[in-house]
Amino acid sequence: MAMQTIQFSEFGDPIAVAEVCDVADPGQPGSEEVLVETLASPIDPADIFILQGQYGRLPKLPAVPGIEGVGRVIQVGEGVKHLASGDQVMLPAYGNWCEQRRIAETELLKLPPHGDPKQLSMLRVNPPTAYLLVHEIAALNSGDWLIQNAANSAVGRYIIQLAGLAGIRTVNLVRREELRAELSDIGADAVLMDSEPDLPARIREITGGALPAYGIDAVGGDGTLLLAGCLAAGGVIVNYGVMSGKACKLSAEQLIFRDIRLSGFWLARWFEKNPQRAQPLYSRLATMIAEGRLRAKIDRAYPLAEIKSALQSAIRGGRNGKIILDFAKR
C-alpha cells in the first residue's frame, strides 16, 4: 500500500524543492515501536530555513521536512508499555510531513486525548520558547513589564498569554493598526505601532514612568535597535529570531553608556543542556493547550497535496496566524 509524503532532494526555494511523493507504507511496527498516522503539522519558520539550507542543523538529503506535529497511534509493537492504539502523541522533531511513520515509543510524548490536534501540533517549538523566555531567561515577577516586537507572531501571542497568566505585563510592538484590538483581546496590556514617534515617552506614560528592563526580539536588524531604545539602562534583550533577515543591531551609545545587553536563545540548545526538563515542560504546556488556556491563531489549513500553495502562504507577509498541514483534508 502506498502513502504520501513530502520530500526534498536539494536545498533552495522551498516552493520549488518540496515535492509530493508516493512511497511504500512503513509496515508493521517493531517490538518497541508504534505505527502513527499524522494528524496535523504546522509550517514553521525553521521548516522554511531548513528547505533553504539556512538553518543551524540540516538533515541529510533526501529528507522529509516538518519539525513538529501531532499524530494518533494506530498500532503498537509487543514491547510497547506506555502507549496504546488511539492515543494522541507529539511527534519527534524532523520528518513529520508524511501520512504514517514507525517511531520508537521513547521518541513520543502522550498528549491529552481531548486536545485539538491542530493546536497541539504546534506544541514542540513555540509554546516552550515563549514559556522559557517569560519564566526562565529573565527573573520577572508579577507586576513587572516586558516589551517584545513581532508581537503578532506565534511566539509573541504565546508570550502575551503566558505573561498574563503570571501577572507579568506586556508592551507589544506591531506593524499593523488592526492588531491592537486582537492582541488586547488575548491579554496584551499595551499594543503600540513600532513606527510611533518617541516610543520611550509613550511607554513611560503606559507603565507609570519606568521603561521595561527586559526585551524580547524576533526581528533583528533595526528592530533590535528600536527595542533597545525602549529599555531602561542596564536592560537585557534576548533575541530568538531574525524575521528581518539581518543581524541584530545595537548602537555604541546603547552598549557603552546605557549598558544594554544582548543575548540569544535557541530552544534546541536549551533542551540539550536540560534534557530532564523536556517532558515535564511539554506535559504542562500540553495540558494548558488542551484546556484552552493557550491558543495559537491559525490562518489556514491545507491538505498535504497542496504543499506548494501552503508554503507560499507560509512565506508571504501579512498572514494572520499559522499555516497548518491538515492530514485529514483531501
C-alpha atoms as a PDB file:
ATOM      1  CA  MET A   1       0.000   0.000   0.000  1.00  0.00           C
ATOM      2  CA  ALA A   2       1.277   3.484  -0.858  1.00  0.00           C
ATOM      3  CA  MET A   3       1.121   6.666   1.157  1.00  0.00           C
ATOM      4  CA  GLN A   4       2.007  10.288   0.512  1.00  0.00           C
ATOM      5  CA  THR A   5       4.940  12.226   1.901  1.00  0.00           C
ATOM      6  CA  ILE A   6       6.757  15.474   1.184  1.00  0.00           C
ATOM      7  CA  GLN A   7      10.424  15.119   0.220  1.00  0.00           C
ATOM      8  CA  PHE A   8      13.216  17.394  -0.934  1.00  0.00           C
ATOM      9  CA  SER A   9      16.492  16.345  -2.539  1.00  0.00           C
ATOM     10  CA  GLU A  10      18.261  19.719  -2.626  1.00  0.00           C
ATOM     11  CA  PHE A  11      18.219  22.966  -0.711  1.00  0.00           C
ATOM     12  CA  GLY A  12      16.750  26.039  -2.357  1.00  0.00           C
ATOM     13  CA  ASP A  13      13.460  27.806  -2.933  1.00  0.00           C
ATOM     14  CA  PRO A  14      11.044  25.877  -0.649  1.00  0.00           C
ATOM     15  CA  ILE A  15       8.208  26.036  -3.180  1.00  0.00           C
ATOM     16  CA  ALA A  16      10.460  24.575  -5.877  1.00  0.00           C
ATOM     17  CA  VAL A  17      12.266  21.864  -3.892  1.00  0.00           C
ATOM     18  CA  ALA A  18       9.353  20.417  -1.838  1.00  0.00           C
ATOM     19  CA  GLU A  19       7.584  17.643  -3.732  1.00  0.00           C
ATOM     20  CA  VAL A  20       4.631  15.337  -3.018  1.00  0.00           C
ATOM     21  CA  CYS A  21       5.763  11.725  -3.386  1.00  0.00           C
ATOM     22  CA  ASP A  22       4.041   8.348  -3.234  1.00  0.00           C
ATOM     23  CA  VAL A  23       6.064   5.907  -1.138  1.00  0.00           C
ATOM     24  CA  ALA A  24       5.516   2.460   0.374  1.00  0.00           C
ATOM     25  CA  ASP A  25       3.745   2.405   3.717  1.00  0.00           C
ATOM     26  CA  PRO A  26       6.050   1.891   6.730  1.00  0.00           C
ATOM     27  CA  GLY A  27       4.883  -1.640   7.522  1.00  0.00           C
ATOM     28  CA  GLN A  28       4.344  -3.325  10.884  1.00  0.00           C
ATOM     29  CA  PRO A  29       5.905  -1.718  13.976  1.00  0.00           C
ATOM     30  CA  GLY A  30       8.828  -3.445  15.644  1.00  0.00           C
ATOM     31  CA  SER A  31       8.722  -4.689  19.224  1.00  0.00           C
ATOM     32  CA  GLU A  32       9.259  -1.281  20.848  1.00  0.00           C
ATOM     33  CA  GLU A  33       7.834   0.807  18.022  1.00  0.00           C
ATOM     34  CA  VAL A  34       4.433   2.270  17.267  1.00  0.00           C
ATOM     35  CA  LEU A  35       2.789   2.986  13.936  1.00  0.00           C
ATOM     36  CA  VAL A  36       1.480   6.546  13.913  1.00  0.00           C
ATOM     37  CA  GLU A  37      -0.740   8.411  11.483  1.00  0.00           C
ATOM     38  CA  THR A  38      -0.027  12.125  11.258  1.00  0.00           C
ATOM     39  CA  LEU A  39      -2.985  14.369  12.061  1.00  0.00           C
ATOM     40  CA  ALA A  40      -1.579  17.880  11.673  1.00  0.00           C
ATOM     41  CA  SER A  41       1.740  19.690  11.269  1.00  0.00           C
ATOM     42  CA  PRO A  42       2.424  23.435  11.120  1.00  0.00           C
ATOM     43  CA  ILE A  43       4.788  25.123   8.706  1.00  0.00           C
ATOM     44  CA  ASP A  44       7.297  26.852  10.955  1.00  0.00           C
ATOM     45  CA  PRO A  45       9.941  29.432  10.009  1.00  0.00           C
ATOM     46  CA  ALA A  46      12.517  26.752  10.816  1.00  0.00           C
ATOM     47  CA  ASP A  47      10.939  24.500   8.169  1.00  0.00           C
ATOM     48  CA  ILE A  48      11.415  27.260   5.606  1.00  0.00           C
ATOM     49  CA  PHE A  49      15.043  27.816   6.652  1.00  0.00           C
ATOM     50  CA  ILE A  50      15.752  24.056   6.521  1.00  0.00           C
ATOM     51  CA  LEU A  51      14.344  23.792   2.977  1.00  0.00           C
ATOM     52  CA  GLN A  52      16.519  26.769   2.036  1.00  0.00           C
ATOM     53  CA  GLY A  53      19.597  25.192   3.660  1.00  0.00           C
ATOM     54  CA  GLN A  54      19.935  28.102   6.092  1.00  0.00           C
ATOM     55  CA  TYR A  55      19.226  26.532   9.492  1.00  0.00           C
ATOM     56  CA  GLY A  56      21.565  25.681  12.381  1.00  0.00           C
ATOM     57  CA  ARG A  57      21.144  21.949  11.770  1.00  0.00           C
ATOM     58  CA  LEU A  58      20.374  20.448   8.386  1.00  0.00           C
ATOM     59  CA  PRO A  59      19.262  16.902   7.521  1.00  0.00           C
ATOM     60  CA  LYS A  60      20.975  14.575   5.102  1.00  0.00           C
ATOM     61  CA  LEU A  61      19.283  14.616   1.705  1.00  0.00           C
ATOM     62  CA  PRO A  62      16.870  13.432   0.509  1.00  0.00           C
ATOM     63  CA  ALA A  63      14.780  14.293   3.554  1.00  0.00           C
ATOM     64  CA  VAL A  64      11.216  14.716   4.746  1.00  0.00           C
ATOM     65  CA  PRO A  65      10.526  18.174   6.263  1.00  0.00           C
ATOM     66  CA  GLY A  66       8.352  19.007   9.238  1.00  0.00           C
ATOM     67  CA  ILE A  67       9.887  19.756  12.632  1.00  0.00           C
ATOM     68  CA  GLU A  68       6.696  19.358  14.639  1.00  0.00           C
ATOM     69  CA  GLY A  69       3.312  17.717  14.519  1.00  0.00           C
ATOM     70  CA  VAL A  70       0.747  15.588  16.285  1.00  0.00           C
ATOM     71  CA  GLY A  71      -0.318  12.055  15.422  1.00  0.00           C
ATOM     72  CA  ARG A  72      -2.509   9.173  16.505  1.00  0.00           C
ATOM     73  CA  VAL A  73      -1.222   5.720  17.365  1.00  0.00           C
ATOM     74  CA  ILE A  74      -2.790   3.111  15.081  1.00  0.00           C
ATOM     75  CA  GLN A  75      -0.722   0.042  16.052  1.00  0.00           C
ATOM     76  CA  VAL A  76       1.797  -0.832  18.783  1.00  0.00           C
ATOM     77  CA  GLY A  77       4.610  -3.364  18.958  1.00  0.00           C
ATOM     78  CA  GLU A  78       4.529  -6.124  21.546  1.00  0.00           C
ATOM     79  CA  GLY A  79       7.162  -4.446  23.714  1.00  0.00           C
ATOM     80  CA  VAL A  80       5.412  -1.062  23.926  1.00  0.00           C
ATOM     81  CA  LYS A  81       4.474  -0.287  27.531  1.00  0.00           C
ATOM     82  CA  HIS A  82       3.040   3.219  27.787  1.00  0.00           C
ATOM     83  CA  LEU A  83       1.111   3.835  24.569  1.00  0.00           C
ATOM     84  CA  ALA A  84      -1.973   2.214  23.071  1.00  0.00           C
ATOM     85  CA  SER A  85      -3.895   2.369  19.824  1.00  0.00           C
ATOM     86  CA  GLY A  86      -5.875   5.612  19.657  1.00  0.00           C
ATOM     87  CA  ASP A  87      -3.501   7.656  21.826  1.00  0.00           C
ATOM     88  CA  GLN A  88      -2.710  11.167  20.625  1.00  0.00           C
ATOM     89  CA  VAL A  89       1.043  11.875  20.609  1.00  0.00           C
ATOM     90  CA  MET A  90       3.521  14.660  19.929  1.00  0.00           C
ATOM     91  CA  LEU A  91       5.741  13.596  17.036  1.00  0.00           C
ATOM     92  CA  PRO A  92       9.555  13.805  17.081  1.00  0.00           C
ATOM     93  CA  ALA A  93      11.474  16.704  15.595  1.00  0.00           C
ATOM     94  CA  TYR A  94      12.032  16.342  11.827  1.00  0.00           C
ATOM     95  CA  GLY A  95      10.347  14.207   9.211  1.00  0.00           C
ATOM     96  CA  ASN A  96       6.688  14.819  10.016  1.00  0.00           C
ATOM     97  CA  TRP A  97       5.270  15.751   6.612  1.00  0.00           C
ATOM     98  CA  CYS A  98       4.227  12.182   5.838  1.00  0.00           C
ATOM     99  CA  GLU A  99       0.998  10.277   6.361  1.00  0.00           C
ATOM    100  CA  GLN A 100       2.381   7.441   8.520  1.00  0.00           C
ATOM    101  CA  ARG A 101       5.590   6.603  10.382  1.00  0.00           C
ATOM    102  CA  ARG A 102       7.053   3.848  12.508  1.00  0.00           C
ATOM    103  CA  ILE A 103       8.543   5.506  15.575  1.00  0.00           C
ATOM    104  CA  ALA A 104      10.219   4.232  18.737  1.00  0.00           C
ATOM    105  CA  GLU A 105       7.952   4.607  21.754  1.00  0.00           C
ATOM    106  CA  THR A 106      10.653   6.578  23.590  1.00  0.00           C
ATOM    107  CA  GLU A 107      10.518   9.340  20.938  1.00  0.00           C
ATOM    108  CA  LEU A 108       6.834  10.091  21.514  1.00  0.00           C
ATOM    109  CA  LEU A 109       5.000  12.071  24.172  1.00  0.00           C
ATOM    110  CA  LYS A 110       1.444  11.094  25.042  1.00  0.00           C
ATOM    111  CA  LEU A 111      -0.925  14.066  24.820  1.00  0.00           C
ATOM    112  CA  PRO A 112      -4.324  14.777  26.378  1.00  0.00           C
ATOM    113  CA  PRO A 113      -6.928  12.846  24.365  1.00  0.00           C
ATOM    114  CA  HIS A 114      -9.379  15.752  24.280  1.00  0.00           C
ATOM    115  CA  GLY A 115      -6.934  18.325  22.892  1.00  0.00           C
ATOM    116  CA  ASP A 116      -7.482  19.902  19.464  1.00  0.00           C
ATOM    117  CA  PRO A 117      -4.926  18.224  17.141  1.00  0.00           C
ATOM    118  CA  LYS A 118      -4.259  21.430  15.207  1.00  0.00           C
ATOM    119  CA  GLN A 119      -3.478  23.373  18.391  1.00  0.00           C
ATOM    120  CA  LEU A 120      -1.402  20.530  19.838  1.00  0.00           C
ATOM    121  CA  SER A 121       0.515  20.171  16.555  1.00  0.00           C
ATOM    122  CA  MET A 122       2.230  23.474  17.410  1.00  0.00           C
ATOM    123  CA  LEU A 123       3.384  22.317  20.866  1.00  0.00           C
ATOM    124  CA  ARG A 124       7.012  21.404  20.204  1.00  0.00           C
ATOM    125  CA  VAL A 125       8.585  24.774  19.341  1.00  0.00           C
ATOM    126  CA  ASN A 126       6.662  27.950  20.091  1.00  0.00           C
ATOM    127  CA  PRO A 127       4.965  27.313  23.460  1.00  0.00           C
ATOM    128  CA  PRO A 128       8.185  26.186  25.235  1.00  0.00           C
ATOM    129  CA  THR A 129      10.127  29.017  23.583  1.00  0.00           C
ATOM    130  CA  ALA A 130       7.595  31.531  24.911  1.00  0.00           C
ATOM    131  CA  TYR A 131       7.405  29.863  28.331  1.00  0.00           C
ATOM    132  CA  LEU A 132      11.168  29.892  28.815  1.00  0.00           C
ATOM    133  CA  LEU A 133      11.528  33.464  27.545  1.00  0.00           C
ATOM    134  CA  VAL A 134       8.934  34.597  30.094  1.00  0.00           C
ATOM    135  CA  HIS A 135       9.761  32.385  33.066  1.00  0.00           C
ATOM    136  CA  GLU A 136      13.407  31.292  32.836  1.00  0.00           C
ATOM    137  CA  ILE A 137      15.555  33.719  30.901  1.00  0.00           C
ATOM    138  CA  ALA A 138      14.621  36.780  32.970  1.00  0.00           C
ATOM    139  CA  ALA A 139      13.747  36.852  36.652  1.00  0.00           C
ATOM    140  CA  LEU A 140      10.403  38.630  36.256  1.00  0.00           C
ATOM    141  CA  ASN A 141       7.792  38.891  38.977  1.00  0.00           C
ATOM    142  CA  SER A 142       4.077  39.607  38.900  1.00  0.00           C
ATOM    143  CA  GLY A 143       3.618  43.282  38.058  1.00  0.00           C
ATOM    144  CA  ASP A 144       6.882  43.605  36.091  1.00  0.00           C
ATOM    145  CA  TRP A 145       6.871  44.795  32.482  1.00  0.00           C
ATOM    146  CA  LEU A 146       8.460  43.261  29.410  1.00  0.00           C
ATOM    147  CA  ILE A 147       8.480  44.566  25.850  1.00  0.00           C
ATOM    148  CA  GLN A 148       8.524  42.500  22.655  1.00  0.00           C
ATOM    149  CA  ASN A 149       8.493  43.089  18.926  1.00  0.00           C
ATOM    150  CA  ALA A 150       6.774  40.810  16.404  1.00  0.00           C
ATOM    151  CA  ALA A 151       4.005  40.526  18.980  1.00  0.00           C
ATOM    152  CA  ASN A 152       1.620  39.099  16.385  1.00  0.00           C
ATOM    153  CA  SER A 153       3.891  36.124  15.732  1.00  0.00           C
ATOM    154  CA  ALA A 154       3.019  32.710  17.132  1.00  0.00           C
ATOM    155  CA  VAL A 155       5.635  33.028  19.886  1.00  0.00           C
ATOM    156  CA  GLY A 156       4.554  36.620  20.541  1.00  0.00           C
ATOM    157  CA  ARG A 157       0.955  35.559  21.117  1.00  0.00           C
ATOM    158  CA  TYR A 158       2.018  32.774  23.468  1.00  0.00           C
ATOM    159  CA  ILE A 159       4.197  35.279  25.361  1.00  0.00           C
ATOM    160  CA  ILE A 160       1.192  37.571  25.849  1.00  0.00           C
ATOM    161  CA  GLN A 161      -0.933  34.718  27.189  1.00  0.00           C
ATOM    162  CA  LEU A 162       1.748  33.184  29.433  1.00  0.00           C
ATOM    163  CA  ALA A 163       2.816  36.545  30.838  1.00  0.00           C
ATOM    164  CA  GLY A 164      -0.815  37.414  31.573  1.00  0.00           C
ATOM    165  CA  LEU A 165      -1.336  34.155  33.453  1.00  0.00           C
ATOM    166  CA  ALA A 166       1.691  35.030  35.625  1.00  0.00           C
ATOM    167  CA  GLY A 167       0.646  38.663  36.212  1.00  0.00           C
ATOM    168  CA  ILE A 168       3.548  39.976  34.086  1.00  0.00           C
ATOM    169  CA  ARG A 169       2.575  42.961  31.952  1.00  0.00           C
ATOM    170  CA  THR A 170       3.497  43.350  28.306  1.00  0.00           C
ATOM    171  CA  VAL A 171       4.216  46.150  25.854  1.00  0.00           C
ATOM    172  CA  ASN A 172       3.778  44.744  22.364  1.00  0.00           C
ATOM    173  CA  LEU A 173       5.151  46.306  19.187  1.00  0.00           C
ATOM    174  CA  VAL A 174       3.363  45.594  15.895  1.00  0.00           C
ATOM    175  CA  ARG A 175       3.253  46.993  12.363  1.00  0.00           C
ATOM    176  CA  ARG A 176      -0.466  46.841  11.601  1.00  0.00           C
ATOM    177  CA  GLU A 177      -3.057  49.025  13.307  1.00  0.00           C
ATOM    178  CA  GLU A 178      -5.775  46.375  13.162  1.00  0.00           C
ATOM    179  CA  LEU A 179      -3.792  44.140  15.515  1.00  0.00           C
ATOM    180  CA  ARG A 180      -4.327  46.406  18.534  1.00  0.00           C
ATOM    181  CA  ALA A 181      -7.777  45.070  19.411  1.00  0.00           C
ATOM    182  CA  GLU A 182      -6.928  41.481  18.512  1.00  0.00           C
ATOM    183  CA  LEU A 183      -3.881  41.298  20.785  1.00  0.00           C
ATOM    184  CA  SER A 184      -5.657  43.167  23.552  1.00  0.00           C
ATOM    185  CA  ASP A 185      -8.354  40.510  23.426  1.00  0.00           C
ATOM    186  CA  ILE A 186      -5.818  37.793  24.293  1.00  0.00           C
ATOM    187  CA  GLY A 187      -4.372  39.763  27.204  1.00  0.00           C
ATOM    188  CA  ALA A 188      -1.879  42.326  25.862  1.00  0.00           C
ATOM    189  CA  ASP A 189      -1.578  45.232  28.292  1.00  0.00           C
ATOM    190  CA  ALA A 190      -0.350  47.682  25.645  1.00  0.00           C
ATOM    191  CA  VAL A 191      -0.091  47.393  21.868  1.00  0.00           C
ATOM    192  CA  LEU A 192       1.901  50.074  20.051  1.00  0.00           C
ATOM    193  CA  MET A 193       2.876  50.638  16.455  1.00  0.00           C
ATOM    194  CA  ASP A 194       6.640  50.307  16.090  1.00  0.00           C
ATOM    195  CA  SER A 195       6.533  53.422  13.880  1.00  0.00           C
ATOM    196  CA  GLU A 196       5.057  55.674  16.584  1.00  0.00           C
ATOM    197  CA  PRO A 197       7.200  58.754  17.324  1.00  0.00           C
ATOM    198  CA  ASP A 198       9.075  58.840  20.663  1.00  0.00           C
ATOM    199  CA  LEU A 199       8.197  55.310  21.723  1.00  0.00           C
ATOM    200  CA  PRO A 200      10.106  55.549  25.038  1.00  0.00           C
ATOM    201  CA  ALA A 201       7.973  58.507  26.158  1.00  0.00           C
ATOM    202  CA  ARG A 202       4.809  56.688  25.121  1.00  0.00           C
ATOM    203  CA  ILE A 203       5.877  53.597  27.067  1.00  0.00           C
ATOM    204  CA  ARG A 204       6.602  55.665  30.184  1.00  0.00           C
ATOM    205  CA  GLU A 205       3.058  57.003  30.028  1.00  0.00           C
ATOM    206  CA  ILE A 206       1.725  53.443  29.991  1.00  0.00           C
ATOM    207  CA  THR A 207       3.962  51.991  32.704  1.00  0.00           C
ATOM    208  CA  GLY A 208       3.800  54.900  35.119  1.00  0.00           C
ATOM    209  CA  GLY A 209       7.219  56.348  34.388  1.00  0.00           C
ATOM    210  CA  ALA A 210       9.629  53.413  34.053  1.00  0.00           C
ATOM    211  CA  LEU A 211      10.927  51.668  30.962  1.00  0.00           C
ATOM    212  CA  PRO A 212      10.947  47.848  30.917  1.00  0.00           C
ATOM    213  CA  ALA A 213      14.186  46.109  31.855  1.00  0.00           C
ATOM    214  CA  TYR A 214      13.581  43.113  29.587  1.00  0.00           C
ATOM    215  CA  GLY A 215      13.013  42.976  25.831  1.00  0.00           C
ATOM    216  CA  ILE A 216      12.266  40.008  23.584  1.00  0.00           C
ATOM    217  CA  ASP A 217      13.416  40.357  19.967  1.00  0.00           C
ATOM    218  CA  ALA A 218      12.341  38.250  16.996  1.00  0.00           C
ATOM    219  CA  VAL A 219      13.223  40.747  14.266  1.00  0.00           C
ATOM    220  CA  GLY A 220      16.929  41.576  14.356  1.00  0.00           C
ATOM    221  CA  GLY A 221      18.421  44.466  12.398  1.00  0.00           C
ATOM    222  CA  ASP A 222      16.784  47.817  13.117  1.00  0.00           C
ATOM    223  CA  GLY A 223      14.138  46.010  15.149  1.00  0.00           C
ATOM    224  CA  THR A 224      16.741  45.196  17.796  1.00  0.00           C
ATOM    225  CA  LEU A 225      17.949  48.795  17.733  1.00  0.00           C
ATOM    226  CA  LEU A 226      14.427  50.125  18.239  1.00  0.00           C
ATOM    227  CA  LEU A 227      13.754  47.690  21.066  1.00  0.00           C
ATOM    228  CA  ALA A 228      16.980  48.653  22.828  1.00  0.00           C
ATOM    229  CA  GLY A 229      15.900  52.298  22.784  1.00  0.00           C
ATOM    230  CA  CYS A 230      12.762  51.329  24.709  1.00  0.00           C
ATOM    231  CA  LEU A 231      14.635  49.639  27.569  1.00  0.00           C
ATOM    232  CA  ALA A 232      15.816  51.012  30.898  1.00  0.00           C
ATOM    233  CA  ALA A 233      19.576  51.431  31.373  1.00  0.00           C
ATOM    234  CA  GLY A 234      21.093  48.049  32.174  1.00  0.00           C
ATOM    235  CA  GLY A 235      18.259  46.283  30.346  1.00  0.00           C
ATOM    236  CA  VAL A 236      18.573  42.946  28.565  1.00  0.00           C
ATOM    237  CA  ILE A 237      17.382  41.940  25.110  1.00  0.00           C
ATOM    238  CA  VAL A 238      17.007  38.253  24.276  1.00  0.00           C
ATOM    239  CA  ASN A 239      16.866  37.507  20.558  1.00  0.00           C
ATOM    240  CA  TYR A 240      15.250  34.296  19.307  1.00  0.00           C
ATOM    241  CA  GLY A 241      14.738  35.059  15.615  1.00  0.00           C
ATOM    242  CA  VAL A 242      15.679  37.299  12.693  1.00  0.00           C
ATOM    243  CA  MET A 243      12.484  37.974  10.756  1.00  0.00           C
ATOM    244  CA  SER A 244      14.206  40.890   9.051  1.00  0.00           C
ATOM    245  CA  GLY A 245      16.941  38.588   7.779  1.00  0.00           C
ATOM    246  CA  LYS A 246      19.514  40.988   9.223  1.00  0.00           C
ATOM    247  CA  ALA A 247      21.967  40.726  12.100  1.00  0.00           C
ATOM    248  CA  CYS A 248      20.961  42.275  15.419  1.00  0.00           C
ATOM    249  CA  LYS A 249      21.992  45.903  15.695  1.00  0.00           C
ATOM    250  CA  LEU A 250      22.847  47.995  18.764  1.00  0.00           C
ATOM    251  CA  SER A 251      24.350  51.486  18.869  1.00  0.00           C
ATOM    252  CA  ALA A 252      27.541  52.359  20.702  1.00  0.00           C
ATOM    253  CA  GLU A 253      25.504  54.642  22.982  1.00  0.00           C
ATOM    254  CA  GLN A 254      23.226  51.759  23.923  1.00  0.00           C
ATOM    255  CA  LEU A 255      26.101  49.364  24.536  1.00  0.00           C
ATOM    256  CA  ILE A 256      28.528  51.644  26.321  1.00  0.00           C
ATOM    257  CA  PHE A 257      26.574  54.377  28.063  1.00  0.00           C
ATOM    258  CA  ARG A 258      23.256  52.634  28.694  1.00  0.00           C
ATOM    259  CA  ASP A 259      24.711  49.158  29.317  1.00  0.00           C
ATOM    260  CA  ILE A 260      22.120  47.370  27.157  1.00  0.00           C
ATOM    261  CA  ARG A 261      22.995  43.683  26.878  1.00  0.00           C
ATOM    262  CA  LEU A 262      22.067  41.285  24.092  1.00  0.00           C
ATOM    263  CA  SER A 263      21.924  37.511  24.218  1.00  0.00           C
ATOM    264  CA  GLY A 264      20.445  34.781  22.046  1.00  0.00           C
ATOM    265  CA  PHE A 265      18.064  31.923  22.743  1.00  0.00           C
ATOM    266  CA  TRP A 266      17.699  28.664  20.810  1.00  0.00           C
ATOM    267  CA  LEU A 267      15.254  26.111  22.181  1.00  0.00           C
ATOM    268  CA  ALA A 268      17.220  23.110  20.867  1.00  0.00           C
ATOM    269  CA  ARG A 269      20.316  24.226  22.743  1.00  0.00           C
ATOM    270  CA  TRP A 270      18.337  24.776  25.953  1.00  0.00           C
ATOM    271  CA  PHE A 271      16.931  21.231  25.779  1.00  0.00           C
ATOM    272  CA  GLU A 272      20.433  19.847  25.167  1.00  0.00           C
ATOM    273  CA  LYS A 273      21.512  21.440  28.432  1.00  0.00           C
ATOM    274  CA  ASN A 274      18.327  20.498  30.311  1.00  0.00           C
ATOM    275  CA  PRO A 275      17.140  17.160  28.837  1.00  0.00           C
ATOM    276  CA  GLN A 276      15.454  16.042  32.051  1.00  0.00           C
ATOM    277  CA  ARG A 277      13.139  19.054  31.966  1.00  0.00           C
ATOM    278  CA  ALA A 278      11.722  18.497  28.477  1.00  0.00           C
ATOM    279  CA  GLN A 279       8.925  16.050  29.258  1.00  0.00           C
ATOM    280  CA  PRO A 280       7.568  17.900  32.348  1.00  0.00           C
ATOM    281  CA  LEU A 281       7.570  21.187  30.421  1.00  0.00           C
ATOM    282  CA  TYR A 282       5.793  19.706  27.407  1.00  0.00           C
ATOM    283  CA  SER A 283       3.248  17.945  29.603  1.00  0.00           C
ATOM    284  CA  ARG A 284       2.438  21.179  31.443  1.00  0.00           C
ATOM    285  CA  LEU A 285       2.026  23.124  28.204  1.00  0.00           C
ATOM    286  CA  ALA A 286       0.009  20.358  26.518  1.00  0.00           C
ATOM    287  CA  THR A 287      -2.470  20.467  29.399  1.00  0.00           C
ATOM    288  CA  MET A 288      -2.770  24.252  29.086  1.00  0.00           C
ATOM    289  CA  ILE A 289      -3.408  23.954  25.345  1.00  0.00           C
ATOM    290  CA  ALA A 290      -5.918  21.135  25.732  1.00  0.00           C
ATOM    291  CA  GLU A 291      -7.785  23.176  28.367  1.00  0.00           C
ATOM    292  CA  GLY A 292      -7.885  26.238  26.098  1.00  0.00           C
ATOM    293  CA  ARG A 293      -5.669  28.434  28.284  1.00  0.00           C
ATOM    294  CA  LEU A 294      -3.128  28.702  25.462  1.00  0.00           C
ATOM    295  CA  ARG A 295      -4.156  29.074  21.838  1.00  0.00           C
ATOM    296  CA  ALA A 296      -2.457  29.961  18.591  1.00  0.00           C
ATOM    297  CA  LYS A 297      -4.035  31.793  15.694  1.00  0.00           C
ATOM    298  CA  ILE A 298      -4.448  29.633  12.576  1.00  0.00           C
ATOM    299  CA  ASP A 299      -4.623  31.432   9.252  1.00  0.00           C
ATOM    300  CA  ARG A 300      -5.466  28.426   7.059  1.00  0.00           C
ATOM    301  CA  ALA A 301      -5.162  24.631   6.884  1.00  0.00           C
ATOM    302  CA  TYR A 302      -4.070  22.865   3.679  1.00  0.00           C
ATOM    303  CA  PRO A 303      -4.066  19.217   2.612  1.00  0.00           C
ATOM    304  CA  LEU A 304      -0.678  17.604   2.046  1.00  0.00           C
ATOM    305  CA  ALA A 305      -1.239  17.549  -1.717  1.00  0.00           C
ATOM    306  CA  GLU A 306      -1.304  21.368  -1.764  1.00  0.00           C
ATOM    307  CA  ILE A 307       2.125  21.756  -0.144  1.00  0.00           C
ATOM    308  CA  LYS A 308       3.328  24.347  -2.658  1.00  0.00           C
ATOM    309  CA  SER A 309       0.339  26.612  -2.003  1.00  0.00           C
ATOM    310  CA  ALA A 310       0.766  26.042   1.734  1.00  0.00           C
ATOM    311  CA  LEU A 311       4.442  27.045   1.578  1.00  0.00           C
ATOM    312  CA  GLN A 312       3.598  30.101  -0.496  1.00  0.00           C
ATOM    313  CA  SER A 313       1.091  31.173   2.174  1.00  0.00           C
ATOM    314  CA  ALA A 314       3.582  30.491   4.970  1.00  0.00           C
ATOM    315  CA  ILE A 315       6.296  32.568   3.307  1.00  0.00           C
ATOM    316  CA  ARG A 316       4.227  35.620   2.388  1.00  0.00           C
ATOM    317  CA  GLY A 317       3.881  38.524   4.774  1.00  0.00           C
ATOM    318  CA  GLY A 318       0.619  39.775   6.246  1.00  0.00           C
ATOM    319  CA  ARG A 319      -0.664  36.393   7.406  1.00  0.00           C
ATOM    320  CA  ASN A 320      -2.867  36.356  10.463  1.00  0.00           C
ATOM    321  CA  GLY A 321      -1.778  33.112  12.064  1.00  0.00           C
ATOM    322  CA  LYS A 322      -0.108  29.806  11.332  1.00  0.00           C
ATOM    323  CA  ILE A 323      -0.337  27.733   8.178  1.00  0.00           C
ATOM    324  CA  ILE A 324      -1.191  24.135   9.055  1.00  0.00           C
ATOM    325  CA  LEU A 325      -0.965  20.908   7.079  1.00  0.00           C
ATOM    326  CA  ASP A 326      -4.168  19.024   7.902  1.00  0.00           C
ATOM    327  CA  PHE A 327      -3.741  15.369   7.006  1.00  0.00           C
ATOM    328  CA  ALA A 328      -7.489  14.720   7.205  1.00  0.00           C
ATOM    329  CA  LYS A 329      -8.110  17.154   4.319  1.00  0.00           C
ATOM    330  CA  ARG A 330      -8.144  15.787   0.796  1.00  0.00           C
END
